[in-house]
């Protein structure tokens, strides 16, 4: 009987080490899979960010080319004349300048009248909803 007992005990030891090896391999596989997934997500985020930055770079290059074209145009006499007329309120020789001024009091009165007209119209509209016929 003693001889039969020893081989059964050895099988249990082998079983323990095989289970330990299996669990260790399983833990390593889970760890590497998790790490691989996180690296994949990070790589995808970097690719998306690179695409956004490339698109932004293209738009900025287009804006730069437009600004360079405008900078070249600023040296032209027609551009300088147009800017002087529009922004600096200058006039050409032989032209007459007409200025329209609105007095501040008239503007305030018209604003108050507009507010009253609005409320009167609103009152008439809402009041008409509740009238009995």
C-alpha atoms as a PDB file:
ATOM      1  CA  UNK A   1       0.000   0.000   0.000  1.00  0.00           C
ATOM      2  CA  UNK A   2       2.803   2.392   0.659  1.00  0.00           C
ATOM      3  CA  UNK A   3       4.014   2.048  -2.879  1.00  0.00           C
ATOM      4  CA  UNK A   4       0.662   3.070  -4.270  1.00  0.00           C
ATOM      5  CA  UNK A   5       0.436   6.074  -2.005  1.00  0.00           C
ATOM      6  CA  UNK A   6       3.662   7.762  -3.229  1.00  0.00           C
ATOM      7  CA  UNK A   7       2.826   7.972  -6.946  1.00  0.00           C
ATOM      8  CA  UNK A   8      -0.512   9.596  -6.152  1.00  0.00           C
ATOM      9  CA  UNK A   9       1.292  12.179  -4.044  1.00  0.00           C
ATOM     10  CA  UNK A  10       3.734  12.985  -6.834  1.00  0.00           C
ATOM     11  CA  UNK A  11       0.859  13.581  -9.187  1.00  0.00           C
ATOM     12  CA  UNK A  12      -0.465  16.225  -6.832  1.00  0.00           C
ATOM     13  CA  UNK A  13       2.902  17.992  -6.780  1.00  0.00           C
ATOM     14  CA  UNK A  14       3.058  17.918 -10.548  1.00  0.00           C
ATOM     15  CA  UNK A  15      -0.504  19.158 -10.635  1.00  0.00           C
ATOM     16  CA  UNK A  16       0.387  22.119  -8.381  1.00  0.00           C
ATOM     17  CA  UNK A  17       3.327  23.167 -10.543  1.00  0.00           C
ATOM     18  CA  UNK A  18       1.346  22.778 -13.734  1.00  0.00           C
ATOM     19  CA  UNK A  19      -1.449  24.938 -12.288  1.00  0.00           C
ATOM     20  CA  UNK A  20       1.089  27.505 -11.128  1.00  0.00           C
ATOM     21  CA  UNK A  21       2.648  27.599 -14.597  1.00  0.00           C
ATOM     22  CA  UNK A  22      -0.775  27.873 -16.226  1.00  0.00           C
ATOM     23  CA  UNK A  23      -1.866  30.740 -13.956  1.00  0.00           C
ATOM     24  CA  UNK A  24       1.476  32.512 -14.491  1.00  0.00           C
ATOM     25  CA  UNK A  25       1.163  32.246 -18.264  1.00  0.00           C
ATOM     26  CA  UNK A  26      -2.445  33.411 -18.069  1.00  0.00           C
ATOM     27  CA  UNK A  27      -1.476  36.446 -15.940  1.00  0.00           C
ATOM     28  CA  UNK A  28       1.309  37.327 -18.377  1.00  0.00           C
ATOM     29  CA  UNK A  29      -1.059  37.022 -21.338  1.00  0.00           C
ATOM     30  CA  UNK A  30      -3.607  39.302 -19.679  1.00  0.00           C
ATOM     31  CA  UNK A  31      -0.896  41.825 -18.804  1.00  0.00           C
ATOM     32  CA  UNK A  32       0.526  41.888 -22.332  1.00  0.00           C
ATOM     33  CA  UNK A  33      -2.937  42.061 -23.889  1.00  0.00           C
ATOM     34  CA  UNK A  34      -3.869  45.016 -21.690  1.00  0.00           C
ATOM     35  CA  UNK A  35      -0.603  46.770 -22.495  1.00  0.00           C
ATOM     36  CA  UNK A  36      -1.063  46.116 -26.212  1.00  0.00           C
ATOM     37  CA  UNK A  37      -4.609  47.532 -26.137  1.00  0.00           C
ATOM     38  CA  UNK A  38      -3.483  50.687 -24.334  1.00  0.00           C
ATOM     39  CA  UNK A  39      -0.623  51.162 -26.819  1.00  0.00           C
ATOM     40  CA  UNK A  40      -3.049  50.689 -29.716  1.00  0.00           C
ATOM     41  CA  UNK A  41      -5.418  53.337 -28.311  1.00  0.00           C
ATOM     42  CA  UNK A  42      -2.549  55.726 -27.682  1.00  0.00           C
ATOM     43  CA  UNK A  43      -1.266  55.222 -31.228  1.00  0.00           C
ATOM     44  CA  UNK A  44      -4.726  55.877 -32.630  1.00  0.00           C
ATOM     45  CA  UNK A  45      -5.002  59.105 -30.605  1.00  0.00           C
ATOM     46  CA  UNK A  46      -1.593  60.222 -31.880  1.00  0.00           C
ATOM     47  CA  UNK A  47      -2.596  59.513 -35.489  1.00  0.00           C
ATOM     48  CA  UNK A  48      -5.841  61.492 -35.080  1.00  0.00           C
ATOM     49  CA  UNK A  49      -3.942  64.368 -33.491  1.00  0.00           C
ATOM     50  CA  UNK A  50      -1.387  64.315 -36.320  1.00  0.00           C
ATOM     51  CA  UNK A  51      -4.207  64.456 -38.897  1.00  0.00           C
ATOM     52  CA  UNK A  52      -5.802  67.440 -37.099  1.00  0.00           C
ATOM     53  CA  UNK A  53      -2.467  69.222 -36.921  1.00  0.00           C
ATOM     54  CA  UNK A  54      -1.788  68.581 -40.599  1.00  0.00           C
ATOM     55  CA  UNK A  55      -5.200  70.003 -41.527  1.00  0.00           C
ATOM     56  CA  UNK A  56      -4.529  73.046 -39.340  1.00  0.00           C
ATOM     57  CA  UNK A  57      -1.122  73.440 -40.953  1.00  0.00           C
ATOM     58  CA  UNK A  58      -2.689  73.403 -44.428  1.00  0.00           C
ATOM     59  CA  UNK A  59      -5.192  76.118 -43.464  1.00  0.00           C
ATOM     60  CA  UNK A  60      -2.431  78.210 -41.909  1.00  0.00           C
ATOM     61  CA  UNK A  61      -0.336  77.857 -45.064  1.00  0.00           C
ATOM     62  CA  UNK A  62      -3.307  79.037 -47.138  1.00  0.00           C
ATOM     63  CA  UNK A  63      -3.760  82.016 -44.824  1.00  0.00           C
ATOM     64  CA  UNK A  64      -0.057  82.781 -45.082  1.00  0.00           C
ATOM     65  CA  UNK A  65      -0.184  82.771 -48.877  1.00  0.00           C
ATOM     66  CA  UNK A  66      -3.213  85.089 -48.774  1.00  0.00           C
ATOM     67  CA  UNK A  67      -1.425  87.431 -46.385  1.00  0.00           C
ATOM     68  CA  UNK A  68       1.659  87.429 -48.583  1.00  0.00           C
ATOM     69  CA  UNK A  69      -0.520  88.357 -51.564  1.00  0.00           C
ATOM     70  CA  UNK A  70      -2.084  91.173 -49.536  1.00  0.00           C
ATOM     71  CA  UNK A  71       1.351  92.339 -48.414  1.00  0.00           C
ATOM     72  CA  UNK A  72       2.474  92.528 -52.029  1.00  0.00           C
ATOM     73  CA  UNK A  73      -0.677  94.481 -52.886  1.00  0.00           C
ATOM     74  CA  UNK A  74      -0.054  97.054 -50.143  1.00  0.00           C
ATOM     75  CA  UNK A  75       2.828  98.508 -52.081  1.00  0.00           C
ATOM     76  CA  UNK A  76       0.560  99.294 -55.039  1.00  0.00           C
ATOM     77  CA  UNK A  77      -0.628 102.854 -55.388  1.00  0.00           C
ATOM     78  CA  UNK A  78      -4.322 101.948 -55.891  1.00  0.00           C
ATOM     79  CA  UNK A  79      -4.387 100.025 -52.597  1.00  0.00           C
ATOM     80  CA  UNK A  80      -2.785 102.888 -50.691  1.00  0.00           C
ATOM     81  CA  UNK A  81      -5.256 105.342 -52.186  1.00  0.00           C
ATOM     82  CA  UNK A  82      -8.244 103.172 -51.266  1.00  0.00           C
ATOM     83  CA  UNK A  83      -7.020 102.763 -47.679  1.00  0.00           C
ATOM     84  CA  UNK A  84      -6.400 106.497 -47.341  1.00  0.00           C
ATOM     85  CA  UNK A  85      -9.921 107.241 -48.571  1.00  0.00           C
ATOM     86  CA  UNK A  86     -11.671 104.655 -46.394  1.00  0.00           C
ATOM     87  CA  UNK A  87      -9.760 104.636 -43.119  1.00  0.00           C
ATOM     88  CA  UNK A  88      -8.134 108.024 -42.926  1.00  0.00           C
ATOM     89  CA  UNK A  89     -11.194 109.929 -44.184  1.00  0.00           C
ATOM     90  CA  UNK A  90      -9.212 111.698 -46.877  1.00  0.00           C
ATOM     91  CA  UNK A  91     -10.676 112.906 -50.176  1.00  0.00           C
ATOM     92  CA  UNK A  92      -9.459 113.248 -53.718  1.00  0.00           C
ATOM     93  CA  UNK A  93      -8.941 116.647 -55.206  1.00  0.00           C
ATOM     94  CA  UNK A  94     -12.208 117.952 -56.655  1.00  0.00           C
ATOM     95  CA  UNK A  95     -14.412 115.722 -54.452  1.00  0.00           C
ATOM     96  CA  UNK A  96     -16.891 116.978 -51.906  1.00  0.00           C
ATOM     97  CA  UNK A  97     -17.494 115.207 -48.627  1.00  0.00           C
ATOM     98  CA  UNK A  98     -21.039 114.995 -47.276  1.00  0.00           C
ATOM     99  CA  UNK A  99     -21.501 114.162 -43.585  1.00  0.00           C
ATOM    100  CA  UNK A 100     -24.828 113.113 -42.088  1.00  0.00           C
ATOM    101  CA  UNK A 101     -25.235 113.728 -38.385  1.00  0.00           C
ATOM    102  CA  UNK A 102     -28.036 112.492 -36.183  1.00  0.00           C
ATOM    103  CA  UNK A 103     -28.699 114.443 -33.040  1.00  0.00           C
ATOM    104  CA  UNK A 104     -28.568 112.274 -29.933  1.00  0.00           C
ATOM    105  CA  UNK A 105     -31.926 113.522 -28.583  1.00  0.00           C
ATOM    106  CA  UNK A 106     -33.788 112.374 -31.685  1.00  0.00           C
ATOM    107  CA  UNK A 107     -32.216 108.948 -31.471  1.00  0.00           C
ATOM    108  CA  UNK A 108     -33.267 108.509 -27.817  1.00  0.00           C
ATOM    109  CA  UNK A 109     -36.845 109.596 -28.494  1.00  0.00           C
ATOM    110  CA  UNK A 110     -37.177 107.222 -31.395  1.00  0.00           C
ATOM    111  CA  UNK A 111     -35.856 104.394 -29.196  1.00  0.00           C
ATOM    112  CA  UNK A 112     -38.446 105.103 -26.487  1.00  0.00           C
ATOM    113  CA  UNK A 113     -41.221 105.330 -29.048  1.00  0.00           C
ATOM    114  CA  UNK A 114     -40.149 102.021 -30.514  1.00  0.00           C
ATOM    115  CA  UNK A 115     -40.255 100.367 -27.087  1.00  0.00           C
ATOM    116  CA  UNK A 116     -43.749 101.741 -26.393  1.00  0.00           C
ATOM    117  CA  UNK A 117     -44.980 100.648 -29.792  1.00  0.00           C
ATOM    118  CA  UNK A 118     -43.663  97.168 -29.159  1.00  0.00           C
ATOM    119  CA  UNK A 119     -45.452  96.826 -25.814  1.00  0.00           C
ATOM    120  CA  UNK A 120     -48.673  98.262 -27.206  1.00  0.00           C
ATOM    121  CA  UNK A 121     -48.587  95.823 -30.112  1.00  0.00           C
ATOM    122  CA  UNK A 122     -47.862  92.942 -27.734  1.00  0.00           C
ATOM    123  CA  UNK A 123     -50.728  93.950 -25.448  1.00  0.00           C
ATOM    124  CA  UNK A 124     -53.127  94.173 -28.374  1.00  0.00           C
ATOM    125  CA  UNK A 125     -52.042  90.786 -29.702  1.00  0.00           C
ATOM    126  CA  UNK A 126     -52.186  88.942 -26.382  1.00  0.00           C
ATOM    127  CA  UNK A 127     -55.373  90.714 -25.317  1.00  0.00           C
ATOM    128  CA  UNK A 128     -57.042  89.579 -28.522  1.00  0.00           C
ATOM    129  CA  UNK A 129     -56.433  85.963 -27.630  1.00  0.00           C
ATOM    130  CA  UNK A 130     -58.537  86.130 -24.488  1.00  0.00           C
ATOM    131  CA  UNK A 131     -61.529  88.140 -25.743  1.00  0.00           C
ATOM    132  CA  UNK A 132     -64.875  86.395 -25.737  1.00  0.00           C
ATOM    133  CA  UNK A 133     -66.840  86.484 -28.918  1.00  0.00           C
END
